[in-house]
Structures are given as C-alpha cells and as structure tokens.
N, C-alpha and C. Protein backbone atom coordinates (compact mmCIF):
# COMPACT_ATOMS: atom_id res chain seq x y z
N MET A 1 37.14 -4.15 -54.64
CA MET A 1 36.93 -5.27 -53.76
C MET A 1 35.94 -4.94 -52.66
N THR A 2 35.93 -3.71 -52.28
CA THR A 2 35.03 -3.33 -51.21
C THR A 2 33.58 -3.53 -51.63
N ALA A 3 33.28 -3.22 -52.87
CA ALA A 3 31.91 -3.34 -53.36
C ALA A 3 31.47 -4.80 -53.37
N THR A 4 32.34 -5.72 -53.72
CA THR A 4 31.97 -7.14 -53.75
C THR A 4 31.81 -7.70 -52.35
N ASN A 5 32.56 -7.17 -51.39
CA ASN A 5 32.40 -7.64 -50.01
C ASN A 5 31.08 -7.16 -49.41
N ASP A 6 30.57 -6.02 -49.84
CA ASP A 6 29.32 -5.48 -49.31
C ASP A 6 28.09 -6.16 -49.93
N ALA A 7 28.23 -6.73 -51.06
CA ALA A 7 27.09 -7.32 -51.78
C ALA A 7 26.38 -8.41 -50.98
N PRO A 8 27.06 -9.38 -50.37
CA PRO A 8 26.34 -10.40 -49.61
C PRO A 8 25.56 -9.82 -48.43
N ASP A 9 26.12 -8.79 -47.79
CA ASP A 9 25.41 -8.18 -46.66
C ASP A 9 24.13 -7.49 -47.15
N THR A 10 24.21 -6.83 -48.27
CA THR A 10 23.04 -6.15 -48.82
C THR A 10 21.99 -7.15 -49.23
N LEU A 11 22.43 -8.27 -49.81
CA LEU A 11 21.50 -9.31 -50.22
C LEU A 11 20.83 -9.93 -48.98
N ALA A 12 21.59 -10.18 -47.95
CA ALA A 12 21.03 -10.75 -46.72
C ALA A 12 20.04 -9.77 -46.08
N ALA A 13 20.37 -8.48 -46.09
CA ALA A 13 19.46 -7.48 -45.51
C ALA A 13 18.17 -7.41 -46.32
N ALA A 14 18.28 -7.50 -47.61
CA ALA A 14 17.08 -7.46 -48.46
C ALA A 14 16.21 -8.68 -48.20
N LYS A 15 16.85 -9.86 -48.06
CA LYS A 15 16.08 -11.08 -47.76
C LYS A 15 15.38 -10.95 -46.41
N GLU A 16 16.05 -10.37 -45.42
CA GLU A 16 15.45 -10.19 -44.10
C GLU A 16 14.25 -9.25 -44.17
N ARG A 17 14.40 -8.17 -44.94
CA ARG A 17 13.28 -7.22 -45.09
C ARG A 17 12.08 -7.91 -45.74
N TRP A 18 12.35 -8.67 -46.82
CA TRP A 18 11.26 -9.36 -47.49
C TRP A 18 10.62 -10.40 -46.57
N GLN A 19 11.43 -11.10 -45.79
CA GLN A 19 10.89 -12.10 -44.88
C GLN A 19 10.00 -11.41 -43.83
N HIS A 20 10.45 -10.26 -43.35
CA HIS A 20 9.66 -9.51 -42.37
C HIS A 20 8.32 -9.09 -42.98
N ILE A 21 8.36 -8.64 -44.23
CA ILE A 21 7.12 -8.24 -44.92
C ILE A 21 6.21 -9.45 -45.11
N GLU A 22 6.76 -10.57 -45.52
CA GLU A 22 5.95 -11.78 -45.71
C GLU A 22 5.35 -12.25 -44.39
N ASP A 23 6.11 -12.17 -43.30
CA ASP A 23 5.58 -12.56 -41.99
C ASP A 23 4.42 -11.67 -41.57
N ARG A 24 4.58 -10.36 -41.79
CA ARG A 24 3.51 -9.43 -41.43
C ARG A 24 2.27 -9.69 -42.27
N LEU A 25 2.45 -9.95 -43.57
CA LEU A 25 1.31 -10.25 -44.43
C LEU A 25 0.60 -11.53 -43.98
N ALA A 26 1.36 -12.53 -43.59
CA ALA A 26 0.76 -13.77 -43.10
C ALA A 26 -0.03 -13.52 -41.82
N ALA A 27 0.49 -12.68 -40.93
CA ALA A 27 -0.22 -12.36 -39.69
C ALA A 27 -1.52 -11.60 -39.98
N ILE A 28 -1.46 -10.68 -40.93
CA ILE A 28 -2.66 -9.94 -41.32
C ILE A 28 -3.70 -10.89 -41.91
N GLU A 29 -3.24 -11.80 -42.74
CA GLU A 29 -4.15 -12.77 -43.36
C GLU A 29 -4.83 -13.62 -42.29
N ARG A 30 -4.08 -14.05 -41.27
CA ARG A 30 -4.66 -14.84 -40.18
C ARG A 30 -5.74 -14.04 -39.44
N ARG A 31 -5.41 -12.77 -39.13
CA ARG A 31 -6.39 -11.93 -38.42
C ARG A 31 -7.64 -11.71 -39.24
N VAL A 32 -7.48 -11.50 -40.54
CA VAL A 32 -8.65 -11.30 -41.41
C VAL A 32 -9.51 -12.56 -41.43
N ARG A 33 -8.88 -13.71 -41.54
CA ARG A 33 -9.64 -14.97 -41.53
C ARG A 33 -10.39 -15.15 -40.21
N GLU A 34 -9.72 -14.87 -39.09
CA GLU A 34 -10.36 -15.02 -37.78
C GLU A 34 -11.55 -14.07 -37.65
N GLN A 35 -11.37 -12.82 -38.04
CA GLN A 35 -12.45 -11.85 -37.93
C GLN A 35 -13.59 -12.18 -38.87
N CYS A 36 -13.27 -12.65 -40.07
CA CYS A 36 -14.32 -13.05 -41.01
C CYS A 36 -15.10 -14.25 -40.47
N SER A 37 -14.39 -15.19 -39.88
CA SER A 37 -15.07 -16.36 -39.31
C SER A 37 -16.01 -15.94 -38.18
N ALA A 38 -15.55 -15.04 -37.34
CA ALA A 38 -16.40 -14.55 -36.24
C ALA A 38 -17.61 -13.80 -36.79
N ALA A 39 -17.41 -12.99 -37.80
CA ALA A 39 -18.52 -12.23 -38.39
C ALA A 39 -19.53 -13.18 -39.04
N ILE A 40 -19.04 -14.18 -39.73
CA ILE A 40 -19.94 -15.14 -40.38
C ILE A 40 -20.73 -15.91 -39.32
N ALA A 41 -20.08 -16.30 -38.22
CA ALA A 41 -20.79 -17.00 -37.15
C ALA A 41 -21.88 -16.12 -36.55
N THR A 42 -21.60 -14.84 -36.37
CA THR A 42 -22.60 -13.91 -35.83
C THR A 42 -23.76 -13.77 -36.80
N LEU A 43 -23.46 -13.63 -38.08
CA LEU A 43 -24.53 -13.53 -39.08
C LEU A 43 -25.37 -14.79 -39.14
N ASP A 44 -24.74 -15.95 -39.01
CA ASP A 44 -25.50 -17.21 -39.00
C ASP A 44 -26.44 -17.27 -37.82
N THR A 45 -25.98 -16.81 -36.65
CA THR A 45 -26.83 -16.79 -35.47
C THR A 45 -28.03 -15.87 -35.68
N CYS A 46 -27.79 -14.69 -36.21
CA CYS A 46 -28.88 -13.75 -36.48
C CYS A 46 -29.85 -14.30 -37.51
N GLN A 47 -29.33 -14.94 -38.53
CA GLN A 47 -30.20 -15.52 -39.55
C GLN A 47 -31.05 -16.63 -38.95
N GLY A 48 -30.48 -17.42 -38.05
CA GLY A 48 -31.26 -18.47 -37.39
C GLY A 48 -32.39 -17.89 -36.56
N ARG A 49 -32.12 -16.79 -35.85
CA ARG A 49 -33.18 -16.14 -35.07
C ARG A 49 -34.28 -15.60 -35.98
N LEU A 50 -33.88 -14.97 -37.10
CA LEU A 50 -34.87 -14.45 -38.03
C LEU A 50 -35.70 -15.57 -38.65
N ASP A 51 -35.08 -16.69 -38.98
CA ASP A 51 -35.81 -17.83 -39.52
C ASP A 51 -36.82 -18.37 -38.51
N ALA A 52 -36.42 -18.45 -37.25
CA ALA A 52 -37.34 -18.93 -36.21
C ALA A 52 -38.51 -17.95 -36.04
N LEU A 53 -38.23 -16.67 -36.06
CA LEU A 53 -39.28 -15.66 -35.93
C LEU A 53 -40.23 -15.73 -37.13
N ARG A 54 -39.67 -15.85 -38.33
CA ARG A 54 -40.51 -15.96 -39.52
C ARG A 54 -41.40 -17.19 -39.44
N HIS A 55 -40.85 -18.29 -38.97
CA HIS A 55 -41.64 -19.52 -38.83
C HIS A 55 -42.75 -19.32 -37.82
N ASP A 56 -42.44 -18.72 -36.68
CA ASP A 56 -43.47 -18.47 -35.66
C ASP A 56 -44.58 -17.58 -36.20
N LEU A 57 -44.19 -16.54 -36.93
CA LEU A 57 -45.21 -15.64 -37.47
C LEU A 57 -46.04 -16.30 -38.57
N ALA A 58 -45.44 -17.18 -39.33
CA ALA A 58 -46.16 -17.83 -40.42
C ALA A 58 -47.08 -18.94 -39.94
N HIS A 59 -46.70 -19.62 -38.86
CA HIS A 59 -47.46 -20.79 -38.42
C HIS A 59 -48.18 -20.60 -37.09
N GLY A 60 -47.99 -19.50 -36.45
CA GLY A 60 -48.62 -19.27 -35.16
C GLY A 60 -49.94 -18.55 -35.32
N PRO A 61 -50.69 -18.43 -34.23
CA PRO A 61 -51.96 -17.71 -34.30
C PRO A 61 -51.72 -16.22 -34.56
N TRP A 62 -52.68 -15.61 -35.26
CA TRP A 62 -52.54 -14.18 -35.53
C TRP A 62 -53.79 -13.48 -35.09
N PRO A 63 -53.73 -12.49 -34.34
CA PRO A 63 -52.56 -11.88 -33.71
C PRO A 63 -52.02 -12.80 -32.63
N PRO A 64 -50.77 -12.66 -32.29
CA PRO A 64 -50.19 -13.53 -31.26
C PRO A 64 -50.99 -13.45 -29.97
N GLN A 65 -51.26 -14.60 -29.38
CA GLN A 65 -52.09 -14.67 -28.18
C GLN A 65 -51.31 -14.40 -26.90
N ALA A 66 -50.08 -14.83 -26.87
CA ALA A 66 -49.28 -14.71 -25.65
C ALA A 66 -48.42 -13.46 -25.74
N ILE A 67 -48.76 -12.47 -24.97
CA ILE A 67 -47.94 -11.27 -24.91
C ILE A 67 -47.10 -11.37 -23.64
N PRO A 68 -45.80 -11.35 -23.77
CA PRO A 68 -44.97 -11.51 -22.58
C PRO A 68 -45.18 -10.36 -21.60
N ALA A 69 -45.24 -10.71 -20.34
CA ALA A 69 -45.39 -9.70 -19.30
C ALA A 69 -44.08 -8.95 -19.13
N PRO A 70 -44.16 -7.68 -18.79
CA PRO A 70 -42.92 -6.95 -18.56
C PRO A 70 -42.17 -7.54 -17.38
N ALA A 71 -40.89 -7.50 -17.45
CA ALA A 71 -40.05 -8.06 -16.39
C ALA A 71 -40.03 -7.10 -15.21
N ASP A 72 -40.50 -7.55 -14.08
CA ASP A 72 -40.47 -6.80 -12.82
C ASP A 72 -40.79 -5.31 -12.99
N PRO A 73 -42.09 -5.00 -13.06
CA PRO A 73 -42.41 -3.58 -13.18
C PRO A 73 -41.95 -2.83 -11.94
N PRO A 74 -41.62 -1.56 -12.09
CA PRO A 74 -41.15 -0.81 -10.93
C PRO A 74 -42.26 -0.68 -9.89
N THR A 75 -41.89 -0.80 -8.65
CA THR A 75 -42.88 -0.69 -7.58
C THR A 75 -43.07 0.78 -7.24
N ILE A 76 -44.34 1.14 -7.14
CA ILE A 76 -44.68 2.51 -6.79
C ILE A 76 -45.20 2.48 -5.36
N PRO A 77 -44.63 3.28 -4.49
CA PRO A 77 -45.10 3.24 -3.10
C PRO A 77 -46.55 3.72 -3.05
N PRO A 78 -47.36 3.14 -2.15
CA PRO A 78 -48.76 3.55 -2.07
C PRO A 78 -48.88 5.01 -1.66
N GLN A 79 -49.82 5.69 -2.29
CA GLN A 79 -50.06 7.10 -1.97
C GLN A 79 -50.95 7.19 -0.73
N PRO A 80 -50.65 8.09 0.17
CA PRO A 80 -51.51 8.23 1.35
C PRO A 80 -52.89 8.73 0.93
N THR A 81 -53.91 8.18 1.56
CA THR A 81 -55.27 8.59 1.22
C THR A 81 -55.61 9.86 1.98
N ARG A 82 -56.30 10.75 1.32
CA ARG A 82 -56.70 12.00 1.94
C ARG A 82 -58.17 11.93 2.32
N ALA A 83 -58.49 12.63 3.36
CA ALA A 83 -59.89 12.75 3.73
C ALA A 83 -60.56 13.65 2.71
N PRO A 84 -61.81 13.34 2.36
CA PRO A 84 -62.48 14.19 1.37
C PRO A 84 -62.56 15.63 1.87
N ALA A 85 -62.27 16.52 0.98
CA ALA A 85 -62.31 17.94 1.37
C ALA A 85 -63.75 18.39 1.46
N GLU A 86 -64.03 19.19 2.46
CA GLU A 86 -65.39 19.71 2.61
C GLU A 86 -65.54 20.90 1.69
N SER A 87 -66.67 20.96 1.04
CA SER A 87 -66.92 22.09 0.19
C SER A 87 -67.41 23.26 1.05
N PRO A 88 -67.20 24.48 0.64
CA PRO A 88 -67.64 25.61 1.42
C PRO A 88 -69.17 25.63 1.64
N ALA A 89 -69.93 25.09 0.69
CA ALA A 89 -71.38 25.07 0.86
C ALA A 89 -71.78 24.11 1.95
N THR A 90 -71.11 22.95 2.04
CA THR A 90 -71.44 21.97 3.06
C THR A 90 -71.07 22.52 4.44
N HIS A 91 -69.97 23.20 4.55
CA HIS A 91 -69.51 23.76 5.82
C HIS A 91 -70.42 24.86 6.31
N ALA A 92 -70.94 25.66 5.42
CA ALA A 92 -71.80 26.78 5.79
C ALA A 92 -73.15 26.30 6.28
N ARG A 93 -73.66 25.16 5.75
CA ARG A 93 -74.95 24.65 6.17
C ARG A 93 -74.90 24.03 7.55
N GLY A 94 -73.83 23.54 7.91
CA GLY A 94 -73.71 22.75 9.12
C GLY A 94 -73.70 23.46 10.35
C-alpha cells in the first residue's frame, strides 16, 4: 500500500519538473527571437547604409568633389618668433 500512496506524489513531481523544463525552454525561445530580431534590424540598417553609399559612388562625380573637413582640428599655440641668429662671419666684419 505504501508504494501506491507514493505514486501520485511521484507523478506530480515529474509533471512539475517537466513544466519547469518547458517554461525554461519557452523563455529561451523568447530570448532567441528577441536577439535575432535585434540582429536582423542592425543588419538591415547596415545594408541600407551600404546601399546608399553604393548609390552615391555609382551616380556621383568621380573622384568625389566634396571632401569633408576634419572636425575641429587641434589648436597649436603660436610659436614665439626668434631673432635671426648672427653668423660668425657677419659679427667679425662689423
């Protein structure tokens, strides 16, 4: 009789384990779909940029006329000017 009383508990535990596994698989499937959707959106954006670049290169002037200026070149402080150095020959004549 003891064995028959334990059977429903074992069956319920097995069902719970399987339900837990199915829930985890469903969560993994959702994450995979979300990440795939994000990756596909990123690839679509990159492909759109490449298509625009290809169009510009195919239909624009060659070589490209407009070269973008560098963004804010670093400022170099002005160098102090030096007086011209006297050569030894000029100094000796004077």
